[in-house]
Amino acid sequence: EGSYRSFKKNVHKQKHLLGIQDTTENNY
């Protein structure tokens, strides 16, 4: 939620945004 809050501060009335999603695995 802290990351989302930081992201919203950087959105200044942009009319269009690209959302790039992918999956990674953390191997332990």
mmCIF file of all heavy atoms, coordinates in Angstrom:
data_MODEL
# 
_entry.id   MODEL 
# 
loop_
_atom_site.group_PDB 
_atom_site.id 
_atom_site.type_symbol 
_atom_site.label_atom_id 
_atom_site.label_alt_id 
_atom_site.label_comp_id 
_atom_site.label_asym_id 
_atom_site.label_entity_id 
_atom_site.label_seq_id 
_atom_site.pdbx_PDB_ins_code 
_atom_site.Cartn_x 
_atom_site.Cartn_y 
_atom_site.Cartn_z 
_atom_site.occupancy 
_atom_site.B_iso_or_equiv 
_atom_site.pdbx_formal_charge 
_atom_site.auth_seq_id 
_atom_site.auth_comp_id 
_atom_site.auth_asym_id 
_atom_site.auth_atom_id 
_atom_site.pdbx_PDB_model_num 
ATOM 1   N N   . GLU A 1 1  ? 0.826  -1.203  0.000   1.00 0.00 ? 1  GLU A N   1 
ATOM 2   C CA  . GLU A 1 1  ? 0.000  0.000   0.000   1.00 0.00 ? 1  GLU A CA  1 
ATOM 3   C C   . GLU A 1 1  ? 0.865  1.259   0.000   1.00 0.00 ? 1  GLU A C   1 
ATOM 4   O O   . GLU A 1 1  ? 0.483  2.292   -0.558  1.00 0.00 ? 1  GLU A O   1 
ATOM 5   C CB  . GLU A 1 1  ? -0.926 0.009   1.218   1.00 0.00 ? 1  GLU A CB  1 
ATOM 6   C CG  . GLU A 1 1  ? -2.066 -0.987  1.152   1.00 0.00 ? 1  GLU A CG  1 
ATOM 7   C CD  . GLU A 1 1  ? -3.096 -0.640  0.097   1.00 0.00 ? 1  GLU A CD  1 
ATOM 8   O OE1 . GLU A 1 1  ? -3.190 0.556   -0.267  1.00 0.00 ? 1  GLU A OE1 1 
ATOM 9   O OE2 . GLU A 1 1  ? -3.796 -1.556  -0.359  1.00 0.00 ? 1  GLU A OE2 1 
ATOM 10  N N   . GLY A 1 2  ? 2.044  1.189   0.616   1.00 0.00 ? 2  GLY A N   1 
ATOM 11  C CA  . GLY A 1 2  ? 2.974  2.319   0.575   1.00 0.00 ? 2  GLY A CA  1 
ATOM 12  C C   . GLY A 1 2  ? 3.444  2.597   -0.845  1.00 0.00 ? 2  GLY A C   1 
ATOM 13  O O   . GLY A 1 2  ? 3.579  3.758   -1.254  1.00 0.00 ? 2  GLY A O   1 
ATOM 14  N N   . SER A 1 3  ? 3.685  1.530   -1.614  1.00 0.00 ? 3  SER A N   1 
ATOM 15  C CA  . SER A 1 3  ? 4.094  1.688   -3.012  1.00 0.00 ? 3  SER A CA  1 
ATOM 16  C C   . SER A 1 3  ? 2.974  2.297   -3.842  1.00 0.00 ? 3  SER A C   1 
ATOM 17  O O   . SER A 1 3  ? 3.213  3.143   -4.705  1.00 0.00 ? 3  SER A O   1 
ATOM 18  C CB  . SER A 1 3  ? 4.499  0.320   -3.597  1.00 0.00 ? 3  SER A CB  1 
ATOM 19  O OG  . SER A 1 3  ? 5.644  -0.194  -2.948  1.00 0.00 ? 3  SER A OG  1 
ATOM 20  N N   . TYR A 1 4  ? 1.733  1.867   -3.587  1.00 0.00 ? 4  TYR A N   1 
ATOM 21  C CA  . TYR A 1 4  ? 0.605  2.419   -4.347  1.00 0.00 ? 4  TYR A CA  1 
ATOM 22  C C   . TYR A 1 4  ? 0.432  3.909   -4.046  1.00 0.00 ? 4  TYR A C   1 
ATOM 23  O O   . TYR A 1 4  ? 0.143  4.710   -4.936  1.00 0.00 ? 4  TYR A O   1 
ATOM 24  C CB  . TYR A 1 4  ? -0.698 1.679   -4.005  1.00 0.00 ? 4  TYR A CB  1 
ATOM 25  C CG  . TYR A 1 4  ? -0.633 0.179   -4.099  1.00 0.00 ? 4  TYR A CG  1 
ATOM 26  C CD1 . TYR A 1 4  ? -1.467 -0.626  -3.327  1.00 0.00 ? 4  TYR A CD1 1 
ATOM 27  C CD2 . TYR A 1 4  ? 0.283  -0.457  -4.944  1.00 0.00 ? 4  TYR A CD2 1 
ATOM 28  C CE1 . TYR A 1 4  ? -1.421 -2.004  -3.394  1.00 0.00 ? 4  TYR A CE1 1 
ATOM 29  C CE2 . TYR A 1 4  ? 0.350  -1.840  -5.017  1.00 0.00 ? 4  TYR A CE2 1 
ATOM 30  C CZ  . TYR A 1 4  ? -0.504 -2.611  -4.234  1.00 0.00 ? 4  TYR A CZ  1 
ATOM 31  O OH  . TYR A 1 4  ? -0.443 -3.981  -4.293  1.00 0.00 ? 4  TYR A OH  1 
ATOM 32  N N   . ARG A 1 5  ? 0.620  4.252   -2.782  1.00 0.00 ? 5  ARG A N   1 
ATOM 33  C CA  . ARG A 1 5  ? 0.489  5.650   -2.383  1.00 0.00 ? 5  ARG A CA  1 
ATOM 34  C C   . ARG A 1 5  ? 1.557  6.501   -3.074  1.00 0.00 ? 5  ARG A C   1 
ATOM 35  O O   . ARG A 1 5  ? 1.279  7.616   -3.532  1.00 0.00 ? 5  ARG A O   1 
ATOM 36  C CB  . ARG A 1 5  ? 0.595  5.755   -0.868  1.00 0.00 ? 5  ARG A CB  1 
ATOM 37  C CG  . ARG A 1 5  ? 0.229  7.114   -0.315  1.00 0.00 ? 5  ARG A CG  1 
ATOM 38  C CD  . ARG A 1 5  ? -0.195 7.028   1.148   1.00 0.00 ? 5  ARG A CD  1 
ATOM 39  N NE  . ARG A 1 5  ? 0.830  6.471   2.009   1.00 0.00 ? 5  ARG A NE  1 
ATOM 40  C CZ  . ARG A 1 5  ? 0.631  6.159   3.298   1.00 0.00 ? 5  ARG A CZ  1 
ATOM 41  N NH1 . ARG A 1 5  ? -0.566 6.359   3.833   1.00 0.00 ? 5  ARG A NH1 1 
ATOM 42  N NH2 . ARG A 1 5  ? 1.603  5.679   4.035   1.00 0.00 ? 5  ARG A NH2 1 
ATOM 43  N N   . SER A 1 6  ? 2.778  5.965   -3.165  1.00 0.00 ? 6  SER A N   1 
ATOM 44  C CA  . SER A 1 6  ? 3.860  6.660   -3.854  1.00 0.00 ? 6  SER A CA  1 
ATOM 45  C C   . SER A 1 6  ? 3.539  6.822   -5.338  1.00 0.00 ? 6  SER A C   1 
ATOM 46  O O   . SER A 1 6  ? 3.777  7.885   -5.930  1.00 0.00 ? 6  SER A O   1 
ATOM 47  C CB  . SER A 1 6  ? 5.167  5.883   -3.676  1.00 0.00 ? 6  SER A CB  1 
ATOM 48  O OG  . SER A 1 6  ? 6.207  6.456   -4.431  1.00 0.00 ? 6  SER A OG  1 
ATOM 49  N N   . PHE A 1 7  ? 2.977  5.772   -5.946  1.00 0.00 ? 7  PHE A N   1 
ATOM 50  C CA  . PHE A 1 7  ? 2.624  5.821   -7.366  1.00 0.00 ? 7  PHE A CA  1 
ATOM 51  C C   . PHE A 1 7  ? 1.583  6.902   -7.639  1.00 0.00 ? 7  PHE A C   1 
ATOM 52  O O   . PHE A 1 7  ? 1.694  7.678   -8.592  1.00 0.00 ? 7  PHE A O   1 
ATOM 53  C CB  . PHE A 1 7  ? 2.110  4.446   -7.806  1.00 0.00 ? 7  PHE A CB  1 
ATOM 54  C CG  . PHE A 1 7  ? 1.170  4.473   -8.976  1.00 0.00 ? 7  PHE A CG  1 
ATOM 55  C CD1 . PHE A 1 7  ? 1.601  4.897   -10.218 1.00 0.00 ? 7  PHE A CD1 1 
ATOM 56  C CD2 . PHE A 1 7  ? -0.154 4.075   -8.835  1.00 0.00 ? 7  PHE A CD2 1 
ATOM 57  C CE1 . PHE A 1 7  ? 0.732  4.935   -11.305 1.00 0.00 ? 7  PHE A CE1 1 
ATOM 58  C CE2 . PHE A 1 7  ? -1.028 4.103   -9.905  1.00 0.00 ? 7  PHE A CE2 1 
ATOM 59  C CZ  . PHE A 1 7  ? -0.581 4.543   -11.148 1.00 0.00 ? 7  PHE A CZ  1 
ATOM 60  N N   . LYS A 1 8  ? 0.575  6.995   -6.792  1.00 0.00 ? 8  LYS A N   1 
ATOM 61  C CA  . LYS A 1 8  ? -0.502 7.955   -7.028  1.00 0.00 ? 8  LYS A CA  1 
ATOM 62  C C   . LYS A 1 8  ? 0.018  9.393   -6.990  1.00 0.00 ? 8  LYS A C   1 
ATOM 63  O O   . LYS A 1 8  ? -0.510 10.270  -7.681  1.00 0.00 ? 8  LYS A O   1 
ATOM 64  C CB  . LYS A 1 8  ? -1.622 7.764   -6.002  1.00 0.00 ? 8  LYS A CB  1 
ATOM 65  C CG  . LYS A 1 8  ? -2.413 6.479   -6.191  1.00 0.00 ? 8  LYS A CG  1 
ATOM 66  C CD  . LYS A 1 8  ? -3.622 6.398   -5.276  1.00 0.00 ? 8  LYS A CD  1 
ATOM 67  C CE  . LYS A 1 8  ? -4.728 7.311   -5.724  1.00 0.00 ? 8  LYS A CE  1 
ATOM 68  N NZ  . LYS A 1 8  ? -5.984 7.098   -4.962  1.00 0.00 ? 8  LYS A NZ  1 
ATOM 69  N N   . LYS A 1 9  ? 1.084  9.637   -6.221  1.00 0.00 ? 9  LYS A N   1 
ATOM 70  C CA  . LYS A 1 9  ? 1.668  10.977  -6.170  1.00 0.00 ? 9  LYS A CA  1 
ATOM 71  C C   . LYS A 1 9  ? 2.304  11.350  -7.513  1.00 0.00 ? 9  LYS A C   1 
ATOM 72  O O   . LYS A 1 9  ? 2.422  12.539  -7.842  1.00 0.00 ? 9  LYS A O   1 
ATOM 73  C CB  . LYS A 1 9  ? 2.730  11.058  -5.069  1.00 0.00 ? 9  LYS A CB  1 
ATOM 74  C CG  . LYS A 1 9  ? 2.167  11.017  -3.651  1.00 0.00 ? 9  LYS A CG  1 
ATOM 75  C CD  . LYS A 1 9  ? 3.283  11.097  -2.638  1.00 0.00 ? 9  LYS A CD  1 
ATOM 76  C CE  . LYS A 1 9  ? 2.739  11.031  -1.210  1.00 0.00 ? 9  LYS A CE  1 
ATOM 77  N NZ  . LYS A 1 9  ? 3.831  11.064  -0.206  1.00 0.00 ? 9  LYS A NZ  1 
ATOM 78  N N   . ASN A 1 10 ? 2.739  10.329  -8.283  1.00 0.00 ? 10 ASN A N   1 
ATOM 79  C CA  . ASN A 1 10 ? 3.418  10.585  -9.554  1.00 0.00 ? 10 ASN A CA  1 
ATOM 80  C C   . ASN A 1 10 ? 2.455  10.696  -10.725 1.00 0.00 ? 10 ASN A C   1 
ATOM 81  O O   . ASN A 1 10 ? 2.875  10.973  -11.846 1.00 0.00 ? 10 ASN A O   1 
ATOM 82  C CB  . ASN A 1 10 ? 4.433  9.468   -9.843  1.00 0.00 ? 10 ASN A CB  1 
ATOM 83  C CG  . ASN A 1 10 ? 5.614  9.507   -8.900  1.00 0.00 ? 10 ASN A CG  1 
ATOM 84  O OD1 . ASN A 1 10 ? 5.974  10.568  -8.393  1.00 0.00 ? 10 ASN A OD1 1 
ATOM 85  N ND2 . ASN A 1 10 ? 6.218  8.364   -8.648  1.00 0.00 ? 10 ASN A ND2 1 
ATOM 86  N N   . VAL A 1 11 ? 1.175  10.440  -10.495 1.00 0.00 ? 11 VAL A N   1 
ATOM 87  C CA  . VAL A 1 11 ? 0.181  10.526  -11.559 1.00 0.00 ? 11 VAL A CA  1 
ATOM 88  C C   . VAL A 1 11 ? -0.425 11.925  -11.541 1.00 0.00 ? 11 VAL A C   1 
ATOM 89  O O   . VAL A 1 11 ? -1.186 12.270  -10.642 1.00 0.00 ? 11 VAL A O   1 
ATOM 90  C CB  . VAL A 1 11 ? -0.925 9.460   -11.389 1.00 0.00 ? 11 VAL A CB  1 
ATOM 91  C CG1 . VAL A 1 11 ? -1.959 9.594   -12.491 1.00 0.00 ? 11 VAL A CG1 1 
ATOM 92  C CG2 . VAL A 1 11 ? -0.324 8.070   -11.398 1.00 0.00 ? 11 VAL A CG2 1 
ATOM 93  N N   . HIS A 1 12 ? -0.062 12.719  -12.510 1.00 0.00 ? 12 HIS A N   1 
ATOM 94  C CA  . HIS A 1 12 ? -0.514 14.113  -12.541 1.00 0.00 ? 12 HIS A CA  1 
ATOM 95  C C   . HIS A 1 12 ? -1.483 14.302  -13.710 1.00 0.00 ? 12 HIS A C   1 
ATOM 96  O O   . HIS A 1 12 ? -1.120 14.810  -14.770 1.00 0.00 ? 12 HIS A O   1 
ATOM 97  C CB  . HIS A 1 12 ? 0.675  15.066  -12.683 1.00 0.00 ? 12 HIS A CB  1 
ATOM 98  C CG  . HIS A 1 12 ? 1.692  14.909  -11.602 1.00 0.00 ? 12 HIS A CG  1 
ATOM 99  N ND1 . HIS A 1 12 ? 1.426  15.236  -10.291 1.00 0.00 ? 12 HIS A ND1 1 
ATOM 100 C CD2 . HIS A 1 12 ? 2.962  14.446  -11.633 1.00 0.00 ? 12 HIS A CD2 1 
ATOM 101 C CE1 . HIS A 1 12 ? 2.497  14.996  -9.557  1.00 0.00 ? 12 HIS A CE1 1 
ATOM 102 N NE2 . HIS A 1 12 ? 3.438  14.510  -10.336 1.00 0.00 ? 12 HIS A NE2 1 
ATOM 103 N N   . LYS A 1 13 ? -2.695 13.870  -13.512 1.00 0.00 ? 13 LYS A N   1 
ATOM 104 C CA  . LYS A 1 13 ? -3.761 14.050  -14.497 1.00 0.00 ? 13 LYS A CA  1 
ATOM 105 C C   . LYS A 1 13 ? -3.416 13.465  -15.864 1.00 0.00 ? 13 LYS A C   1 
ATOM 106 O O   . LYS A 1 13 ? -3.842 13.993  -16.903 1.00 0.00 ? 13 LYS A O   1 
ATOM 107 C CB  . LYS A 1 13 ? -4.103 15.547  -14.634 1.00 0.00 ? 13 LYS A CB  1 
ATOM 108 C CG  . LYS A 1 13 ? -4.632 16.170  -13.354 1.00 0.00 ? 13 LYS A CG  1 
ATOM 109 C CD  . LYS A 1 13 ? -5.010 17.626  -13.556 1.00 0.00 ? 13 LYS A CD  1 
ATOM 110 C CE  . LYS A 1 13 ? -5.548 18.238  -12.260 1.00 0.00 ? 13 LYS A CE  1 
ATOM 111 N NZ  . LYS A 1 13 ? -5.910 19.662  -12.426 1.00 0.00 ? 13 LYS A NZ  1 
ATOM 112 N N   . GLN A 1 14 ? -2.610 12.386  -15.876 1.00 0.00 ? 14 GLN A N   1 
ATOM 113 C CA  . GLN A 1 14 ? -2.347 11.719  -17.144 1.00 0.00 ? 14 GLN A CA  1 
ATOM 114 C C   . GLN A 1 14 ? -3.632 11.136  -17.702 1.00 0.00 ? 14 GLN A C   1 
ATOM 115 O O   . GLN A 1 14 ? -4.394 10.506  -16.982 1.00 0.00 ? 14 GLN A O   1 
ATOM 116 C CB  . GLN A 1 14 ? -1.309 10.592  -16.973 1.00 0.00 ? 14 GLN A CB  1 
ATOM 117 C CG  . GLN A 1 14 ? 0.127  11.049  -17.110 1.00 0.00 ? 14 GLN A CG  1 
ATOM 118 C CD  . GLN A 1 14 ? 0.767  11.374  -15.773 1.00 0.00 ? 14 GLN A CD  1 
ATOM 119 O OE1 . GLN A 1 14 ? 0.060  11.634  -14.803 1.00 0.00 ? 14 GLN A OE1 1 
ATOM 120 N NE2 . GLN A 1 14 ? 2.074  11.367  -15.716 1.00 0.00 ? 14 GLN A NE2 1 
ATOM 121 N N   . LYS A 1 15 ? -3.847 11.340  -18.983 1.00 0.00 ? 15 LYS A N   1 
ATOM 122 C CA  . LYS A 1 15 ? -5.056 10.833  -19.620 1.00 0.00 ? 15 LYS A CA  1 
ATOM 123 C C   . LYS A 1 15 ? -4.919 9.374   -20.028 1.00 0.00 ? 15 LYS A C   1 
ATOM 124 O O   . LYS A 1 15 ? -5.913 8.670   -20.189 1.00 0.00 ? 15 LYS A O   1 
ATOM 125 C CB  . LYS A 1 15 ? -5.387 11.685  -20.862 1.00 0.00 ? 15 LYS A CB  1 
ATOM 126 C CG  . LYS A 1 15 ? -5.723 13.134  -20.542 1.00 0.00 ? 15 LYS A CG  1 
ATOM 127 C CD  . LYS A 1 15 ? -6.936 13.237  -19.617 1.00 0.00 ? 15 LYS A CD  1 
ATOM 128 C CE  . LYS A 1 15 ? -7.310 14.684  -19.344 1.00 0.00 ? 15 LYS A CE  1 
ATOM 129 N NZ  . LYS A 1 15 ? -8.459 14.792  -18.402 1.00 0.00 ? 15 LYS A NZ  1 
ATOM 130 N N   . HIS A 1 16 ? -3.684 8.907   -20.214 1.00 0.00 ? 16 HIS A N   1 
ATOM 131 C CA  . HIS A 1 16 ? -3.477 7.536   -20.661 1.00 0.00 ? 16 HIS A CA  1 
ATOM 132 C C   . HIS A 1 16 ? -2.237 6.960   -19.990 1.00 0.00 ? 16 HIS A C   1 
ATOM 133 O O   . HIS A 1 16 ? -1.194 7.612   -19.923 1.00 0.00 ? 16 HIS A O   1 
ATOM 134 C CB  . HIS A 1 16 ? -3.309 7.490   -22.188 1.00 0.00 ? 16 HIS A CB  1 
ATOM 135 C CG  . HIS A 1 16 ? -3.099 6.118   -22.731 1.00 0.00 ? 16 HIS A CG  1 
ATOM 136 N ND1 . HIS A 1 16 ? -2.204 5.837   -23.744 1.00 0.00 ? 16 HIS A ND1 1 
ATOM 137 C CD2 . HIS A 1 16 ? -3.647 4.920   -22.381 1.00 0.00 ? 16 HIS A CD2 1 
ATOM 138 C CE1 . HIS A 1 16 ? -2.232 4.545   -24.013 1.00 0.00 ? 16 HIS A CE1 1 
ATOM 139 N NE2 . HIS A 1 16 ? -3.090 3.968   -23.202 1.00 0.00 ? 16 HIS A NE2 1 
ATOM 140 N N   . LEU A 1 17 ? -2.347 5.746   -19.470 1.00 0.00 ? 17 LEU A N   1 
ATOM 141 C CA  . LEU A 1 17 ? -1.240 5.063   -18.798 1.00 0.00 ? 17 LEU A CA  1 
ATOM 142 C C   . LEU A 1 17 ? -1.078 3.662   -19.365 1.00 0.00 ? 17 LEU A C   1 
ATOM 143 O O   . LEU A 1 17 ? -2.068 2.997   -19.681 1.00 0.00 ? 17 LEU A O   1 
ATOM 144 C CB  . LEU A 1 17 ? -1.499 4.979   -17.291 1.00 0.00 ? 17 LEU A CB  1 
ATOM 145 C CG  . LEU A 1 17 ? -1.628 6.302   -16.531 1.00 0.00 ? 17 LEU A CG  1 
ATOM 146 C CD1 . LEU A 1 17 ? -2.129 6.050   -15.109 1.00 0.00 ? 17 LEU A CD1 1 
ATOM 147 C CD2 . LEU A 1 17 ? -0.296 7.034   -16.500 1.00 0.00 ? 17 LEU A CD2 1 
ATOM 148 N N   . LEU A 1 18 ? 0.175  3.230   -19.480 1.00 0.00 ? 18 LEU A N   1 
ATOM 149 C CA  . LEU A 1 18 ? 0.463  1.846   -19.848 1.00 0.00 ? 18 LEU A CA  1 
ATOM 150 C C   . LEU A 1 18 ? 0.695  1.037   -18.577 1.00 0.00 ? 18 LEU A C   1 
ATOM 151 O O   . LEU A 1 18 ? 1.465  1.455   -17.705 1.00 0.00 ? 18 LEU A O   1 
ATOM 152 C CB  . LEU A 1 18 ? 1.709  1.761   -20.735 1.00 0.00 ? 18 LEU A CB  1 
ATOM 153 C CG  . LEU A 1 18 ? 1.704  2.555   -22.043 1.00 0.00 ? 18 LEU A CG  1 
ATOM 154 C CD1 . LEU A 1 18 ? 3.017  2.329   -22.791 1.00 0.00 ? 18 LEU A CD1 1 
ATOM 155 C CD2 . LEU A 1 18 ? 0.519  2.186   -22.912 1.00 0.00 ? 18 LEU A CD2 1 
ATOM 156 N N   . GLY A 1 19 ? 0.054  -0.109  -18.465 1.00 0.00 ? 19 GLY A N   1 
ATOM 157 C CA  . GLY A 1 19 ? 0.255  -1.006  -17.331 1.00 0.00 ? 19 GLY A CA  1 
ATOM 158 C C   . GLY A 1 19 ? 0.911  -2.295  -17.807 1.00 0.00 ? 19 GLY A C   1 
ATOM 159 O O   . GLY A 1 19 ? 0.320  -3.049  -18.585 1.00 0.00 ? 19 GLY A O   1 
ATOM 160 N N   . ILE A 1 20 ? 2.142  -2.532  -17.375 1.00 0.00 ? 20 ILE A N   1 
ATOM 161 C CA  . ILE A 1 20 ? 2.892  -3.711  -17.807 1.00 0.00 ? 20 ILE A CA  1 
ATOM 162 C C   . ILE A 1 20 ? 2.954  -4.693  -16.648 1.00 0.00 ? 20 ILE A C   1 
ATOM 163 O O   . ILE A 1 20 ? 3.431  -4.356  -15.567 1.00 0.00 ? 20 ILE A O   1 
ATOM 164 C CB  . ILE A 1 20 ? 4.312  -3.328  -18.256 1.00 0.00 ? 20 ILE A CB  1 
ATOM 165 C CG1 . ILE A 1 20 ? 4.236  -2.290  -19.378 1.00 0.00 ? 20 ILE A CG1 1 
ATOM 166 C CG2 . ILE A 1 20 ? 5.076  -4.550  -18.723 1.00 0.00 ? 20 ILE A CG2 1 
ATOM 167 C CD1 . ILE A 1 20 ? 5.572  -1.729  -19.779 1.00 0.00 ? 20 ILE A CD1 1 
ATOM 168 N N   . GLN A 1 21 ? 2.484  -5.910  -16.878 1.00 0.00 ? 21 GLN A N   1 
ATOM 169 C CA  . GLN A 1 21 ? 2.479  -6.894  -15.801 1.00 0.00 ? 21 GLN A CA  1 
ATOM 170 C C   . GLN A 1 21 ? 3.183  -8.177  -16.235 1.00 0.00 ? 21 GLN A C   1 
ATOM 171 O O   . GLN A 1 21 ? 3.170  -8.557  -17.396 1.00 0.00 ? 21 GLN A O   1 
ATOM 172 C CB  . GLN A 1 21 ? 1.061  -7.193  -15.337 1.00 0.00 ? 21 GLN A CB  1 
ATOM 173 C CG  . GLN A 1 21 ? 0.080  -7.650  -16.402 1.00 0.00 ? 21 GLN A CG  1 
ATOM 174 C CD  . GLN A 1 21 ? -1.284 -7.966  -15.822 1.00 0.00 ? 21 GLN A CD  1 
ATOM 175 O OE1 . GLN A 1 21 ? -1.403 -8.487  -14.706 1.00 0.00 ? 21 GLN A OE1 1 
ATOM 176 N NE2 . GLN A 1 21 ? -2.339 -7.664  -16.558 1.00 0.00 ? 21 GLN A NE2 1 
ATOM 177 N N   . ASP A 1 22 ? 3.798  -8.813  -15.260 1.00 0.00 ? 22 ASP A N   1 
ATOM 178 C CA  . ASP A 1 22 ? 4.496  -10.075 -15.504 1.00 0.00 ? 22 ASP A CA  1 
ATOM 179 C C   . ASP A 1 22 ? 4.727  -10.769 -14.166 1.00 0.00 ? 22 ASP A C   1 
ATOM 180 O O   . ASP A 1 22 ? 4.547  -10.165 -13.101 1.00 0.00 ? 22 ASP A O   1 
ATOM 181 C CB  . ASP A 1 22 ? 5.824  -9.833  -16.224 1.00 0.00 ? 22 ASP A CB  1 
ATOM 182 C CG  . ASP A 1 22 ? 6.314  -11.066 -16.971 1.00 0.00 ? 22 ASP A CG  1 
ATOM 183 O OD1 . ASP A 1 22 ? 5.646  -12.122 -16.897 1.00 0.00 ? 22 ASP A OD1 1 
ATOM 184 O OD2 . ASP A 1 22 ? 7.369  -10.988 -17.630 1.00 0.00 ? 22 ASP A OD2 1 
ATOM 185 N N   . THR A 1 23 ? 5.146  -12.031 -14.245 1.00 0.00 ? 23 THR A N   1 
ATOM 186 C CA  . THR A 1 23 ? 5.386  -12.831 -13.041 1.00 0.00 ? 23 THR A CA  1 
ATOM 187 C C   . THR A 1 23 ? 6.840  -13.249 -12.973 1.00 0.00 ? 23 THR A C   1 
ATOM 188 O O   . THR A 1 23 ? 7.442  -13.626 -13.986 1.00 0.00 ? 23 THR A O   1 
ATOM 189 C CB  . THR A 1 23 ? 4.502  -14.095 -13.054 1.00 0.00 ? 23 THR A CB  1 
ATOM 190 O OG1 . THR A 1 23 ? 3.134  -13.719 -13.214 1.00 0.00 ? 23 THR A OG1 1 
ATOM 191 C CG2 . THR A 1 23 ? 4.656  -14.885 -11.762 1.00 0.00 ? 23 THR A CG2 1 
ATOM 192 N N   . THR A 1 24 ? 7.412  -13.164 -11.785 1.00 0.00 ? 24 THR A N   1 
ATOM 193 C CA  . THR A 1 24 ? 8.744  -13.719 -11.542 1.00 0.00 ? 24 THR A CA  1 
ATOM 194 C C   . THR A 1 24 ? 8.662  -14.648 -10.338 1.00 0.00 ? 24 THR A C   1 
ATOM 195 O O   . THR A 1 24 ? 7.780  -14.505 -9.494  1.00 0.00 ? 24 THR A O   1 
ATOM 196 C CB  . THR A 1 24 ? 9.779  -12.604 -11.294 1.00 0.00 ? 24 THR A CB  1 
ATOM 197 O OG1 . THR A 1 24 ? 11.096 -13.176 -11.227 1.00 0.00 ? 24 THR A OG1 1 
ATOM 198 C CG2 . THR A 1 24 ? 9.504  -11.866 -9.991  1.00 0.00 ? 24 THR A CG2 1 
ATOM 199 N N   . GLU A 1 25 ? 9.560  -15.608 -10.278 1.00 0.00 ? 25 GLU A N   1 
ATOM 200 C CA  . GLU A 1 25 ? 9.600  -16.487 -9.115  1.00 0.00 ? 25 GLU A CA  1 
ATOM 201 C C   . GLU A 1 25 ? 10.866 -16.215 -8.323  1.00 0.00 ? 25 GLU A C   1 
ATOM 202 O O   . GLU A 1 25 ? 11.937 -16.009 -8.896  1.00 0.00 ? 25 GLU A O   1 
ATOM 203 C CB  . GLU A 1 25 ? 9.520  -17.961 -9.523  1.00 0.00 ? 25 GLU A CB  1 
ATOM 204 C CG  . GLU A 1 25 ? 10.610 -18.438 -10.469 1.00 0.00 ? 25 GLU A CG  1 
ATOM 205 C CD  . GLU A 1 25 ? 10.446 -19.904 -10.849 1.00 0.00 ? 25 GLU A CD  1 
ATOM 206 O OE1 . GLU A 1 25 ? 9.308  -20.367 -10.937 1.00 0.00 ? 25 GLU A OE1 1 
ATOM 207 O OE2 . GLU A 1 25 ? 11.480 -20.571 -11.064 1.00 0.00 ? 25 GLU A OE2 1 
ATOM 208 N N   . ASN A 1 26 ? 10.733 -16.168 -7.005  1.00 0.00 ? 26 ASN A N   1 
ATOM 209 C CA  . ASN A 1 26 ? 11.883 -16.025 -6.113  1.00 0.00 ? 26 ASN A CA  1 
ATOM 210 C C   . ASN A 1 26 ? 12.233 -17.406 -5.585  1.00 0.00 ? 26 ASN A C   1 
ATOM 211 O O   . ASN A 1 26 ? 11.420 -18.047 -4.910  1.00 0.00 ? 26 ASN A O   1 
ATOM 212 C CB  . ASN A 1 26 ? 11.556 -15.083 -4.962  1.00 0.00 ? 26 ASN A CB  1 
ATOM 213 C CG  . ASN A 1 26 ? 11.536 -13.630 -5.396  1.00 0.00 ? 26 ASN A CG  1 
ATOM 214 O OD1 . ASN A 1 26 ? 11.541 -13.334 -6.587  1.00 0.00 ? 26 ASN A OD1 1 
ATOM 215 N ND2 . ASN A 1 26 ? 11.505 -12.724 -4.446  1.00 0.00 ? 26 ASN A ND2 1 
ATOM 216 N N   . ASN A 1 27 ? 13.433 -17.839 -5.901  1.00 0.00 ? 27 ASN A N   1 
ATOM 217 C CA  . ASN A 1 27 ? 13.871 -19.206 -5.601  1.00 0.00 ? 27 ASN A CA  1 
ATOM 218 C C   . ASN A 1 27 ? 14.751 -19.209 -4.351  1.00 0.00 ? 27 ASN A C   1 
ATOM 219 O O   . ASN A 1 27 ? 15.813 -18.571 -4.318  1.00 0.00 ? 27 ASN A O   1 
ATOM 220 C CB  . ASN A 1 27 ? 14.643 -19.762 -6.801  1.00 0.00 ? 27 ASN A CB  1 
ATOM 221 C CG  . ASN A 1 27 ? 14.936 -21.247 -6.684  1.00 0.00 ? 27 ASN A CG  1 
ATOM 222 O OD1 . ASN A 1 27 ? 15.148 -21.767 -5.595  1.00 0.00 ? 27 ASN A OD1 1 
ATOM 223 N ND2 . ASN A 1 27 ? 14.955 -21.929 -7.809  1.00 0.00 ? 27 ASN A ND2 1 
ATOM 224 N N   . TYR A 1 28 ? 14.312 -19.947 -3.320  1.00 0.00 ? 28 TYR A N   1 
ATOM 225 C CA  . TYR A 1 28 ? 15.069 -20.032 -2.064  1.00 0.00 ? 28 TYR A CA  1 
ATOM 226 C C   . TYR A 1 28 ? 15.454 -21.472 -1.738  1.00 0.00 ? 28 TYR A C   1 
ATOM 227 O O   . TYR A 1 28 ? 15.609 -21.831 -0.570  1.00 0.00 ? 28 TYR A O   1 
ATOM 228 C CB  . TYR A 1 28 ? 14.245 -19.416 -0.923  1.00 0.00 ? 28 TYR A CB  1 
ATOM 229 C CG  . TYR A 1 28 ? 14.039 -17.934 -1.115  1.00 0.00 ? 28 TYR A CG  1 
ATOM 230 C CD1 . TYR A 1 28 ? 12.829 -17.440 -1.594  1.00 0.00 ? 28 TYR A CD1 1 
ATOM 231 C CD2 . TYR A 1 28 ? 15.069 -17.034 -0.861  1.00 0.00 ? 28 TYR A CD2 1 
ATOM 232 C CE1 . TYR A 1 28 ? 12.652 -16.083 -1.800  1.00 0.00 ? 28 TYR A CE1 1 
ATOM 233 C CE2 . TYR A 1 28 ? 14.894 -15.682 -1.061  1.00 0.00 ? 28 TYR A CE2 1 
ATOM 234 C CZ  . TYR A 1 28 ? 13.693 -15.210 -1.536  1.00 0.00 ? 28 TYR A CZ  1 
ATOM 235 O OH  . TYR A 1 28 ? 13.530 -13.865 -1.747  1.00 0.00 ? 28 TYR A OH  1 
# 
